[in-house]
Amino acid sequence: MPYEFRMKVQDYQGTNYVGDSQSKILYQPVDVFKVHYSNRVFFKYLEDAQMMGYELEE
């Protein structure tokens, strides 16, 4: 889980949207832990994720 390690060590909060590759649900950067690490897809822009078929979590 390198992502969590880097974020914790650097005391940094991610800025990319996080998609679940299995469900096609998109999460805010602060909700990265809602997606299993092996299913994570990161998007810098919301529009890019939506073009790939991801929908924001309600």
Protein backbone atom coordinates (compact mmCIF):
# COMPACT_ATOMS: atom_id res chain seq x y z
CA MET A 1 0.00 0.00 0.00
CA PRO A 2 2.53 2.58 -1.14
CA TYR A 3 -0.09 5.31 -1.61
CA GLU A 4 -1.15 5.29 2.04
CA PHE A 5 2.47 5.13 3.14
CA ARG A 6 3.48 8.17 1.07
CA MET A 7 0.49 10.18 2.23
CA LYS A 8 1.10 9.35 5.89
CA VAL A 9 4.87 9.92 5.81
CA GLN A 10 4.54 13.21 3.93
CA ASP A 11 1.52 14.29 6.03
CA TYR A 12 -0.21 15.01 2.75
CA GLN A 13 -3.81 14.79 1.56
CA GLY A 14 -4.28 13.64 -2.04
CA THR A 15 -5.94 15.91 -4.60
CA ASN A 16 -7.03 13.40 -7.24
CA TYR A 17 -10.47 11.86 -7.51
CA VAL A 18 -10.45 8.13 -6.77
CA GLY A 19 -12.46 5.72 -8.86
CA ASP A 20 -13.35 2.14 -8.06
CA SER A 21 -12.56 0.13 -11.18
CA GLN A 22 -15.10 -2.56 -10.25
CA SER A 23 -18.14 -0.39 -9.47
CA LYS A 24 -17.27 2.69 -11.58
CA ILE A 25 -18.08 4.87 -8.54
CA LEU A 26 -15.96 7.99 -8.12
CA TYR A 27 -14.95 9.35 -4.72
CA GLN A 28 -13.58 12.63 -3.46
CA PRO A 29 -9.83 12.64 -2.69
CA VAL A 30 -10.45 12.51 1.07
CA ASP A 31 -12.43 9.28 0.63
CA VAL A 32 -9.58 7.28 -0.92
CA PHE A 33 -9.86 4.67 1.83
CA LYS A 34 -13.36 3.73 0.66
CA VAL A 35 -11.79 2.01 -2.35
CA HIS A 36 -9.71 -1.14 -2.00
CA TYR A 37 -6.16 -0.38 -3.09
CA SER A 38 -6.25 -2.91 -5.94
CA ASN A 39 -9.34 -1.26 -7.45
CA ARG A 40 -8.16 2.36 -7.31
CA VAL A 41 -8.01 4.52 -10.41
CA PHE A 42 -6.93 8.13 -9.94
CA PHE A 43 -8.22 11.07 -11.96
CA LYS A 44 -6.97 14.63 -11.82
CA TYR A 45 -10.13 16.02 -13.39
CA LEU A 46 -13.75 15.09 -12.74
CA GLU A 47 -14.54 15.41 -16.44
CA ASP A 48 -11.96 12.77 -17.34
CA ALA A 49 -13.50 10.30 -14.90
CA GLN A 50 -16.98 10.97 -16.19
CA MET A 51 -15.84 10.45 -19.77
CA MET A 52 -14.58 7.01 -18.69
CA GLY A 53 -18.00 6.12 -17.23
CA TYR A 54 -17.41 6.90 -13.54
CA GLU A 55 -20.14 8.55 -11.46
CA LEU A 56 -19.66 10.52 -8.24
CA GLU A 57 -20.70 8.87 -5.01
CA GLU A 58 -23.96 10.27 -3.70
